[in-house]
Amino acid sequence: MKKITLTLTAVLAGLLLTTSAFAWGPGPGKGRGYGPCGNASLERLNLTDEQNVKIEALQDAHYKATKAVREKIFDKSVELRRLWLQANPDKGKISAAQKELRTLRNEMEDKATALRFEIDKVLTPEQKDKLANLPWGRKTGFGPRGGMRGDCGFGAGQGPGPGLGMGICQ
């Protein structure tokens, strides 16, 4: 009887200790990369329903159009990491992979700039002015550069790459 009680107690203790590990969930997963605040800068502009629909359609089209490039960036990043982890890293292969990765990132940057111009066409002059004067992801009052204390804005978020994303602790 004592063995059964001891065994059940150990199993229950193990289950209780591991419950919190499974409670968090799978993480952010695939997303547009806006981070936990979403389109916080755009949300501050009091967009009309029509503007919201147009901007969301532009963002969805951009997300679909950049899927192949994002996947190539992910694959090339993994390849580069593997090259660095080899016993004798090949400088030529690493340089070539870095160059290709920079080219892909430049392509993404160009597409992001094009998206920004398309979104800009949807905004009114007042909204454009307000957007230009937002703190862009930094709260004021935390030193000369503004602190990175949880305010939201445009920019990279948790990453849209394959898998579960970078997680909340990144």
N, C-alpha and C. Protein backbone atom coordinates (compact mmCIF):
# COMPACT_ATOMS: atom_id res chain seq x y z
N MET A 1 0.82 -1.20 0.00
CA MET A 1 0.00 0.00 0.00
C MET A 1 0.87 1.26 0.00
N LYS A 2 1.98 1.21 0.76
CA LYS A 2 2.86 2.37 0.81
C LYS A 2 3.52 2.62 -0.54
N LYS A 3 3.85 1.53 -1.26
CA LYS A 3 4.48 1.68 -2.58
C LYS A 3 3.52 2.36 -3.55
N ILE A 4 2.27 1.96 -3.53
CA ILE A 4 1.28 2.55 -4.43
C ILE A 4 1.08 4.02 -4.10
N THR A 5 0.97 4.34 -2.83
CA THR A 5 0.79 5.73 -2.40
C THR A 5 2.00 6.57 -2.80
N LEU A 6 3.18 6.04 -2.57
CA LEU A 6 4.41 6.76 -2.92
C LEU A 6 4.50 6.97 -4.44
N THR A 7 4.16 5.96 -5.21
CA THR A 7 4.20 6.05 -6.67
C THR A 7 3.18 7.08 -7.17
N LEU A 8 1.96 7.02 -6.66
CA LEU A 8 0.94 7.98 -7.07
C LEU A 8 1.33 9.41 -6.68
N THR A 9 1.91 9.57 -5.52
CA THR A 9 2.36 10.90 -5.08
C THR A 9 3.44 11.43 -6.01
N ALA A 10 4.38 10.57 -6.39
CA ALA A 10 5.46 10.99 -7.29
C ALA A 10 4.91 11.37 -8.67
N VAL A 11 3.96 10.59 -9.18
CA VAL A 11 3.36 10.88 -10.48
C VAL A 11 2.59 12.20 -10.43
N LEU A 12 1.80 12.40 -9.38
CA LEU A 12 1.05 13.65 -9.24
C LEU A 12 1.97 14.85 -9.11
N ALA A 13 3.04 14.70 -8.34
CA ALA A 13 4.00 15.80 -8.19
C ALA A 13 4.64 16.12 -9.54
N GLY A 14 4.98 15.09 -10.29
CA GLY A 14 5.56 15.30 -11.62
C GLY A 14 4.59 16.02 -12.55
N LEU A 15 3.34 15.62 -12.53
CA LEU A 15 2.33 16.27 -13.36
C LEU A 15 2.13 17.74 -12.97
N LEU A 16 2.08 17.99 -11.67
CA LEU A 16 1.90 19.37 -11.21
C LEU A 16 3.08 20.24 -11.61
N LEU A 17 4.28 19.70 -11.54
CA LEU A 17 5.46 20.49 -11.88
C LEU A 17 5.58 20.76 -13.38
N THR A 18 5.07 19.86 -14.20
CA THR A 18 5.19 20.05 -15.65
C THR A 18 3.99 20.79 -16.26
N THR A 19 2.93 20.98 -15.52
CA THR A 19 1.74 21.64 -16.04
C THR A 19 2.05 23.04 -16.55
N SER A 20 2.83 23.80 -15.80
CA SER A 20 3.13 25.18 -16.21
C SER A 20 3.93 25.23 -17.50
N ALA A 21 4.73 24.21 -17.76
CA ALA A 21 5.50 24.19 -19.00
C ALA A 21 4.59 24.07 -20.22
N PHE A 22 3.49 23.38 -20.09
CA PHE A 22 2.57 23.19 -21.21
C PHE A 22 1.48 24.26 -21.26
N ALA A 23 1.34 25.04 -20.22
CA ALA A 23 0.27 26.04 -20.16
C ALA A 23 0.55 27.23 -21.06
N TRP A 24 1.79 27.51 -21.38
CA TRP A 24 2.13 28.71 -22.15
C TRP A 24 1.59 28.66 -23.56
N GLY A 25 1.58 27.54 -24.18
CA GLY A 25 1.10 27.44 -25.56
C GLY A 25 2.26 27.43 -26.53
N PRO A 26 1.96 27.38 -27.80
CA PRO A 26 3.01 27.20 -28.80
C PRO A 26 3.77 28.46 -29.18
N GLY A 27 3.43 29.62 -28.66
CA GLY A 27 4.15 30.83 -29.03
C GLY A 27 3.43 31.58 -30.15
N PRO A 28 4.02 32.67 -30.63
CA PRO A 28 3.33 33.52 -31.58
C PRO A 28 3.12 32.92 -32.95
N GLY A 29 3.98 32.03 -33.38
CA GLY A 29 3.78 31.38 -34.67
C GLY A 29 3.95 32.32 -35.84
N LYS A 30 3.34 31.96 -36.95
CA LYS A 30 3.47 32.78 -38.15
C LYS A 30 2.57 34.00 -38.02
N GLY A 31 3.11 35.11 -38.38
CA GLY A 31 2.36 36.34 -38.33
C GLY A 31 3.00 37.34 -39.27
N ARG A 32 2.48 38.53 -39.28
CA ARG A 32 3.02 39.54 -40.18
C ARG A 32 4.32 40.13 -39.67
N GLY A 33 4.66 39.87 -38.42
CA GLY A 33 5.91 40.41 -37.91
C GLY A 33 5.75 41.76 -37.23
N TYR A 34 4.53 42.13 -36.87
CA TYR A 34 4.32 43.42 -36.23
C TYR A 34 4.55 43.37 -34.73
N GLY A 35 4.78 42.21 -34.17
CA GLY A 35 5.01 42.12 -32.74
C GLY A 35 3.72 42.13 -31.95
N PRO A 36 3.84 42.18 -30.63
CA PRO A 36 2.66 42.07 -29.78
C PRO A 36 1.71 43.25 -29.88
N CYS A 37 2.14 44.36 -30.44
CA CYS A 37 1.29 45.55 -30.49
C CYS A 37 0.56 45.71 -31.81
N GLY A 38 0.80 44.83 -32.75
CA GLY A 38 0.11 44.91 -34.02
C GLY A 38 0.44 46.20 -34.76
N ASN A 39 -0.55 46.82 -35.33
CA ASN A 39 -0.37 48.08 -36.06
C ASN A 39 -0.63 49.26 -35.14
N ALA A 40 0.08 49.33 -34.03
CA ALA A 40 -0.21 50.34 -33.02
C ALA A 40 -0.14 51.76 -33.58
N SER A 41 0.83 52.04 -34.44
CA SER A 41 0.94 53.39 -34.99
C SER A 41 -0.27 53.72 -35.85
N LEU A 42 -0.71 52.77 -36.65
CA LEU A 42 -1.89 53.02 -37.49
C LEU A 42 -3.15 53.12 -36.64
N GLU A 43 -3.21 52.37 -35.56
CA GLU A 43 -4.39 52.41 -34.70
C GLU A 43 -4.55 53.78 -34.04
N ARG A 44 -3.48 54.50 -33.89
CA ARG A 44 -3.54 55.83 -33.27
C ARG A 44 -4.03 56.91 -34.23
N LEU A 45 -4.25 56.55 -35.48
CA LEU A 45 -4.63 57.55 -36.48
C LEU A 45 -6.13 57.69 -36.67
N ASN A 46 -6.92 56.96 -35.91
CA ASN A 46 -8.38 57.00 -36.05
C ASN A 46 -8.81 56.77 -37.50
N LEU A 47 -8.38 55.65 -38.04
CA LEU A 47 -8.71 55.31 -39.42
C LEU A 47 -10.19 55.01 -39.57
N THR A 48 -10.73 55.33 -40.73
CA THR A 48 -12.12 54.97 -41.02
C THR A 48 -12.17 53.47 -41.31
N ASP A 49 -13.38 52.93 -41.32
CA ASP A 49 -13.53 51.51 -41.64
C ASP A 49 -13.01 51.22 -43.05
N GLU A 50 -13.28 52.12 -43.97
CA GLU A 50 -12.82 51.94 -45.35
C GLU A 50 -11.28 51.93 -45.42
N GLN A 51 -10.65 52.84 -44.67
CA GLN A 51 -9.19 52.87 -44.65
C GLN A 51 -8.63 51.59 -44.04
N ASN A 52 -9.25 51.13 -42.96
CA ASN A 52 -8.80 49.88 -42.33
C ASN A 52 -8.86 48.71 -43.30
N VAL A 53 -9.96 48.62 -44.05
CA VAL A 53 -10.13 47.53 -45.01
C VAL A 53 -9.06 47.61 -46.10
N LYS A 54 -8.83 48.82 -46.63
CA LYS A 54 -7.83 48.99 -47.69
C LYS A 54 -6.43 48.65 -47.19
N ILE A 55 -6.09 49.14 -46.00
CA ILE A 55 -4.75 48.90 -45.47
C ILE A 55 -4.55 47.42 -45.15
N GLU A 56 -5.56 46.80 -44.59
CA GLU A 56 -5.45 45.37 -44.30
C GLU A 56 -5.28 44.57 -45.59
N ALA A 57 -5.99 44.95 -46.65
CA ALA A 57 -5.85 44.27 -47.94
C ALA A 57 -4.43 44.46 -48.49
N LEU A 58 -3.90 45.67 -48.36
CA LEU A 58 -2.52 45.92 -48.81
C LEU A 58 -1.52 45.08 -48.03
N GLN A 59 -1.71 45.01 -46.71
CA GLN A 59 -0.80 44.24 -45.87
C GLN A 59 -0.90 42.75 -46.18
N ASP A 60 -2.11 42.26 -46.38
CA ASP A 60 -2.28 40.84 -46.72
C ASP A 60 -1.62 40.51 -48.05
N ALA A 61 -1.81 41.38 -49.03
CA ALA A 61 -1.19 41.17 -50.34
C ALA A 61 0.34 41.19 -50.22
N HIS A 62 0.85 42.12 -49.43
CA HIS A 62 2.30 42.22 -49.20
C HIS A 62 2.81 40.95 -48.52
N TYR A 63 2.08 40.48 -47.53
CA TYR A 63 2.49 39.28 -46.79
C TYR A 63 2.55 38.08 -47.73
N LYS A 64 1.54 37.94 -48.58
CA LYS A 64 1.53 36.82 -49.54
C LYS A 64 2.63 36.97 -50.59
N ALA A 65 2.84 38.20 -51.04
CA ALA A 65 3.84 38.44 -52.09
C ALA A 65 5.27 38.23 -51.59
N THR A 66 5.48 38.39 -50.30
CA THR A 66 6.84 38.26 -49.75
C THR A 66 7.10 36.90 -49.12
N LYS A 67 6.14 36.01 -49.19
CA LYS A 67 6.31 34.70 -48.55
C LYS A 67 7.54 33.97 -49.06
N ALA A 68 7.72 33.91 -50.36
CA ALA A 68 8.86 33.19 -50.93
C ALA A 68 10.18 33.80 -50.49
N VAL A 69 10.25 35.12 -50.46
CA VAL A 69 11.49 35.79 -50.04
C VAL A 69 11.76 35.54 -48.57
N ARG A 70 10.71 35.61 -47.74
CA ARG A 70 10.89 35.34 -46.31
C ARG A 70 11.39 33.92 -46.07
N GLU A 71 10.84 32.97 -46.83
CA GLU A 71 11.29 31.58 -46.68
C GLU A 71 12.74 31.42 -47.12
N LYS A 72 13.12 32.12 -48.20
CA LYS A 72 14.52 32.07 -48.65
C LYS A 72 15.45 32.67 -47.59
N ILE A 73 15.01 33.77 -46.97
CA ILE A 73 15.82 34.38 -45.91
C ILE A 73 16.00 33.41 -44.76
N PHE A 74 14.92 32.75 -44.38
CA PHE A 74 15.00 31.77 -43.29
C PHE A 74 15.96 30.64 -43.66
N ASP A 75 15.79 30.08 -44.86
CA ASP A 75 16.65 28.97 -45.31
C ASP A 75 18.11 29.40 -45.39
N LYS A 76 18.35 30.59 -45.92
CA LYS A 76 19.73 31.07 -46.06
C LYS A 76 20.34 31.35 -44.69
N SER A 77 19.54 31.83 -43.74
CA SER A 77 20.03 32.05 -42.37
C SER A 77 20.44 30.74 -41.72
N VAL A 78 19.63 29.71 -41.92
CA VAL A 78 19.96 28.39 -41.38
C VAL A 78 21.23 27.86 -42.03
N GLU A 79 21.32 28.02 -43.34
CA GLU A 79 22.52 27.57 -44.06
C GLU A 79 23.77 28.30 -43.54
N LEU A 80 23.65 29.61 -43.35
CA LEU A 80 24.78 30.39 -42.85
C LEU A 80 25.20 29.93 -41.46
N ARG A 81 24.21 29.69 -40.62
CA ARG A 81 24.52 29.21 -39.26
C ARG A 81 25.25 27.87 -39.32
N ARG A 82 24.80 26.99 -40.18
CA ARG A 82 25.45 25.67 -40.32
C ARG A 82 26.87 25.82 -40.85
N LEU A 83 27.08 26.76 -41.76
CA LEU A 83 28.44 27.00 -42.26
C LEU A 83 29.36 27.45 -41.14
N TRP A 84 28.86 28.33 -40.28
CA TRP A 84 29.66 28.81 -39.16
C TRP A 84 29.94 27.71 -38.14
N LEU A 85 29.04 26.76 -38.01
CA LEU A 85 29.19 25.71 -37.00
C LEU A 85 30.08 24.56 -37.45
N GLN A 86 30.53 24.58 -38.69
CA GLN A 86 31.42 23.52 -39.16
C GLN A 86 32.76 23.59 -38.43
N ALA A 87 33.45 22.45 -38.38
CA ALA A 87 34.75 22.39 -37.70
C ALA A 87 35.74 23.38 -38.32
N ASN A 88 35.77 23.46 -39.64
CA ASN A 88 36.64 24.40 -40.35
C ASN A 88 35.78 25.25 -41.29
N PRO A 89 35.23 26.36 -40.79
CA PRO A 89 34.34 27.18 -41.62
C PRO A 89 35.05 27.69 -42.88
N ASP A 90 34.36 27.60 -44.01
CA ASP A 90 34.89 28.05 -45.30
C ASP A 90 34.54 29.52 -45.48
N LYS A 91 35.56 30.37 -45.49
CA LYS A 91 35.35 31.81 -45.58
C LYS A 91 34.61 32.20 -46.86
N GLY A 92 34.94 31.57 -47.98
CA GLY A 92 34.30 31.88 -49.25
C GLY A 92 32.81 31.55 -49.25
N LYS A 93 32.47 30.37 -48.72
CA LYS A 93 31.06 29.97 -48.66
C LYS A 93 30.28 30.88 -47.72
N ILE A 94 30.89 31.23 -46.59
CA ILE A 94 30.22 32.11 -45.62
C ILE A 94 29.99 33.49 -46.23
N SER A 95 31.01 34.02 -46.89
CA SER A 95 30.87 35.34 -47.53
C SER A 95 29.80 35.33 -48.60
N ALA A 96 29.75 34.26 -49.39
CA ALA A 96 28.74 34.15 -50.44
C ALA A 96 27.34 34.06 -49.84
N ALA A 97 27.19 33.28 -48.77
CA ALA A 97 25.88 33.15 -48.12
C ALA A 97 25.45 34.47 -47.51
N GLN A 98 26.39 35.20 -46.89
CA GLN A 98 26.06 36.50 -46.31
C GLN A 98 25.64 37.50 -47.38
N LYS A 99 26.33 37.45 -48.51
CA LYS A 99 26.00 38.36 -49.61
C LYS A 99 24.59 38.07 -50.13
N GLU A 100 24.28 36.79 -50.30
CA GLU A 100 22.95 36.41 -50.77
C GLU A 100 21.87 36.81 -49.75
N LEU A 101 22.18 36.64 -48.47
CA LEU A 101 21.24 37.02 -47.41
C LEU A 101 21.00 38.53 -47.43
N ARG A 102 22.06 39.31 -47.61
CA ARG A 102 21.90 40.77 -47.70
C ARG A 102 21.03 41.15 -48.90
N THR A 103 21.23 40.47 -50.02
CA THR A 103 20.43 40.74 -51.22
C THR A 103 18.95 40.46 -50.95
N LEU A 104 18.68 39.34 -50.29
CA LEU A 104 17.29 38.99 -49.97
C LEU A 104 16.68 40.00 -49.01
N ARG A 105 17.45 40.41 -48.01
CA ARG A 105 16.94 41.40 -47.04
C ARG A 105 16.70 42.74 -47.72
N ASN A 106 17.57 43.11 -48.64
CA ASN A 106 17.35 44.35 -49.40
C ASN A 106 16.07 44.27 -50.21
N GLU A 107 15.81 43.11 -50.79
CA GLU A 107 14.57 42.91 -51.54
C GLU A 107 13.36 43.08 -50.63
N MET A 108 13.43 42.52 -49.43
CA MET A 108 12.33 42.68 -48.46
C MET A 108 12.16 44.15 -48.07
N GLU A 109 13.28 44.83 -47.87
CA GLU A 109 13.23 46.25 -47.51
C GLU A 109 12.58 47.07 -48.62
N ASP A 110 12.92 46.76 -49.87
CA ASP A 110 12.32 47.46 -51.00
C ASP A 110 10.81 47.22 -51.05
N LYS A 111 10.40 45.99 -50.80
CA LYS A 111 8.97 45.67 -50.81
C LYS A 111 8.25 46.35 -49.65
N ALA A 112 8.92 46.43 -48.49
CA ALA A 112 8.32 47.12 -47.34
C ALA A 112 8.17 48.61 -47.62
N THR A 113 9.14 49.19 -48.30
CA THR A 113 9.06 50.60 -48.67
C THR A 113 7.91 50.84 -49.64
N ALA A 114 7.76 49.94 -50.60
CA ALA A 114 6.64 50.05 -51.55
C ALA A 114 5.31 49.96 -50.82
N LEU A 115 5.21 49.05 -49.85
CA LEU A 115 3.99 48.93 -49.05
C LEU A 115 3.72 50.22 -48.29
N ARG A 116 4.75 50.78 -47.71
CA ARG A 116 4.59 52.02 -46.95
C ARG A 116 4.04 53.14 -47.83
N PHE A 117 4.54 53.23 -49.07
CA PHE A 117 4.03 54.24 -50.00
C PHE A 117 2.57 53.97 -50.36
N GLU A 118 2.20 52.71 -50.52
CA GLU A 118 0.81 52.36 -50.83
C GLU A 118 -0.11 52.72 -49.66
N ILE A 119 0.34 52.43 -48.43
CA ILE A 119 -0.45 52.78 -47.25
C ILE A 119 -0.57 54.30 -47.15
N ASP A 120 0.51 54.99 -47.47
CA ASP A 120 0.52 56.45 -47.40
C ASP A 120 -0.55 57.06 -48.30
N LYS A 121 -0.84 56.43 -49.43
CA LYS A 121 -1.86 56.92 -50.36
C LYS A 121 -3.26 56.84 -49.76
N VAL A 122 -3.46 55.95 -48.80
CA VAL A 122 -4.77 55.75 -48.18
C VAL A 122 -5.03 56.79 -47.08
N LEU A 123 -3.96 57.34 -46.51
CA LEU A 123 -4.09 58.26 -45.37
C LEU A 123 -4.41 59.68 -45.82
N THR A 124 -5.10 60.40 -44.94
CA THR A 124 -5.38 61.81 -45.17
C THR A 124 -4.13 62.62 -44.79
N PRO A 125 -4.04 63.88 -45.23
CA PRO A 125 -2.89 64.71 -44.84
C PRO A 125 -2.75 64.84 -43.32
N GLU A 126 -3.87 64.93 -42.61
CA GLU A 126 -3.82 65.04 -41.14
C GLU A 126 -3.25 63.76 -40.52
N GLN A 127 -3.67 62.62 -41.05
CA GLN A 127 -3.18 61.34 -40.54
C GLN A 127 -1.69 61.18 -40.83
N LYS A 128 -1.26 61.61 -42.00
CA LYS A 128 0.17 61.54 -42.35
C LYS A 128 0.99 62.39 -41.39
N ASP A 129 0.47 63.58 -41.08
CA ASP A 129 1.18 64.47 -40.16
C ASP A 129 1.25 63.85 -38.76
N LYS A 130 0.15 63.29 -38.32
CA LYS A 130 0.12 62.65 -37.00
C LYS A 130 1.08 61.46 -36.96
N LEU A 131 1.10 60.67 -38.03
CA LEU A 131 2.00 59.51 -38.10
C LEU A 131 3.45 59.95 -38.05
N ALA A 132 3.77 61.04 -38.72
CA ALA A 132 5.14 61.55 -38.74
C ALA A 132 5.60 62.00 -37.36
N ASN A 133 4.65 62.38 -36.49
CA ASN A 133 5.00 62.89 -35.17
C ASN A 133 4.85 61.88 -34.05
N LEU A 134 4.54 60.63 -34.38
CA LEU A 134 4.46 59.58 -33.35
C LEU A 134 5.86 59.20 -32.90
N PRO A 135 6.00 58.68 -31.67
CA PRO A 135 7.33 58.37 -31.13
C PRO A 135 8.00 57.15 -31.75
N TRP A 136 7.36 56.42 -32.67
CA TRP A 136 7.96 55.31 -33.39
C TRP A 136 8.56 54.25 -32.49
N GLY A 137 7.75 53.78 -31.57
CA GLY A 137 8.16 52.62 -30.79
C GLY A 137 8.97 52.94 -29.55
N ARG A 138 9.17 54.21 -29.24
CA ARG A 138 9.92 54.56 -28.03
C ARG A 138 9.10 55.57 -27.23
N LYS A 139 9.00 55.30 -25.97
CA LYS A 139 8.31 56.26 -25.12
C LYS A 139 9.24 57.42 -24.84
N THR A 140 8.68 58.58 -24.70
CA THR A 140 9.49 59.74 -24.39
C THR A 140 9.76 59.78 -22.90
N GLY A 141 10.78 60.51 -22.52
CA GLY A 141 11.07 60.71 -21.10
C GLY A 141 12.01 59.71 -20.48
N PHE A 142 12.60 58.83 -21.25
CA PHE A 142 13.54 57.86 -20.71
C PHE A 142 14.92 58.12 -21.27
N GLY A 143 15.39 59.33 -21.20
CA GLY A 143 16.72 59.63 -21.69
C GLY A 143 16.67 60.23 -23.09
N PRO A 144 17.85 60.56 -23.62
CA PRO A 144 17.90 61.28 -24.89
C PRO A 144 17.37 60.49 -26.08
N ARG A 145 17.43 59.18 -26.03
CA ARG A 145 16.96 58.38 -27.15
C ARG A 145 15.55 57.88 -26.93
N GLY A 146 14.97 58.17 -25.81
CA GLY A 146 13.66 57.59 -25.50
C GLY A 146 13.89 56.15 -25.09
N GLY A 147 13.17 55.67 -24.14
CA GLY A 147 13.41 54.31 -23.67
C GLY A 147 12.67 53.30 -24.51
N MET A 148 13.16 52.10 -24.54
CA MET A 148 12.42 51.04 -25.22
C MET A 148 11.60 50.35 -24.14
N ARG A 149 10.61 51.05 -23.64
CA ARG A 149 9.85 50.59 -22.49
C ARG A 149 8.44 50.18 -22.87
N GLY A 150 8.29 49.38 -23.87
CA GLY A 150 6.99 48.79 -24.14
C GLY A 150 6.06 49.57 -25.05
N ASP A 151 6.46 50.74 -25.53
CA ASP A 151 5.59 51.44 -26.46
C ASP A 151 5.68 50.74 -27.81
N CYS A 152 4.69 50.93 -28.64
CA CYS A 152 4.62 50.15 -29.88
C CYS A 152 4.77 51.06 -31.08
N GLY A 153 5.08 50.47 -32.21
CA GLY A 153 5.18 51.22 -33.44
C GLY A 153 5.49 50.31 -34.60
N PHE A 154 5.80 50.91 -35.75
CA PHE A 154 6.18 50.11 -36.90
C PHE A 154 7.49 49.41 -36.60
N GLY A 155 7.80 48.38 -37.34
CA GLY A 155 9.08 47.72 -37.20
C GLY A 155 8.91 46.24 -37.05
N ALA A 156 10.02 45.58 -36.97
CA ALA A 156 10.00 44.12 -36.89
C ALA A 156 9.38 43.67 -35.59
N GLY A 157 8.61 42.63 -35.65
CA GLY A 157 7.98 42.07 -34.47
C GLY A 157 8.56 40.71 -34.16
N GLN A 158 7.72 39.74 -33.93
CA GLN A 158 8.18 38.44 -33.52
C GLN A 158 8.56 37.57 -34.69
N GLY A 159 8.46 38.07 -35.85
CA GLY A 159 8.96 37.35 -37.00
C GLY A 159 7.95 36.45 -37.66
N PRO A 160 7.83 36.52 -38.95
CA PRO A 160 6.87 35.72 -39.66
C PRO A 160 7.43 34.41 -40.20
N GLY A 161 8.62 34.04 -39.81
CA GLY A 161 9.26 32.86 -40.39
C GLY A 161 8.57 31.57 -40.01
N PRO A 162 9.01 30.48 -40.61
CA PRO A 162 8.43 29.18 -40.31
C PRO A 162 8.62 28.80 -38.85
N GLY A 163 7.77 27.98 -38.35
CA GLY A 163 7.90 27.53 -36.97
C GLY A 163 7.01 28.30 -36.04
N LEU A 164 7.38 28.30 -34.79
CA LEU A 164 6.55 28.92 -33.76
C LEU A 164 6.93 30.36 -33.49
N GLY A 165 7.85 30.93 -34.20
CA GLY A 165 8.25 32.30 -33.96
C GLY A 165 9.34 32.38 -32.91
N MET A 166 9.75 33.59 -32.61
CA MET A 166 10.88 33.78 -31.71
C MET A 166 10.47 33.74 -30.24
N GLY A 167 9.21 33.83 -29.95
CA GLY A 167 8.77 33.76 -28.57
C GLY A 167 8.78 35.11 -27.89
N ILE A 168 8.28 35.13 -26.69
CA ILE A 168 8.08 36.39 -25.99
C ILE A 168 9.35 36.89 -25.31
N CYS A 169 10.31 36.05 -25.08
CA CYS A 169 11.52 36.44 -24.34
C CYS A 169 12.62 36.93 -25.25
N GLN A 170 12.37 37.11 -26.51
CA GLN A 170 13.41 37.51 -27.44
C GLN A 170 13.75 38.96 -27.30
